[in-house]
Amino acid sequence: MEAVTYSNFRQNLKSVMRRVNDDAERLIVTSNDGSNIVVMSQDDYNSWQETLYLMSSEANRERLNRSIQSLENGGGVVRELNEVKDD
């Protein structure tokens, strides 16, 4: 994860925000007093929140882990999706 100073972040806000969004990278913004922050895209944040929610229940966590193991061991069915065209 890259780190930039608060001053650099402030001076280049538009380009830094674009890079964080385009590259799906998180960025540490450092300050002199040690109260650093992390900047991330809203899509990444939403994804993290969804993962936290899904993993918050032990029963759901176990079910997801079993499903992952099944897929890794050749389980599951590959299906072709039909493209929906807008008129």
Foldseek 3Di string as FASTA:
>chain_A
DEEDEPVVCVVCVVVVVVCQVVVQDKYWYAYPVGPIDIDHDPVVVVVVVVVCVQCVDVVSVVVVVVVVVCVVVPDDDDDDDDDDDDD
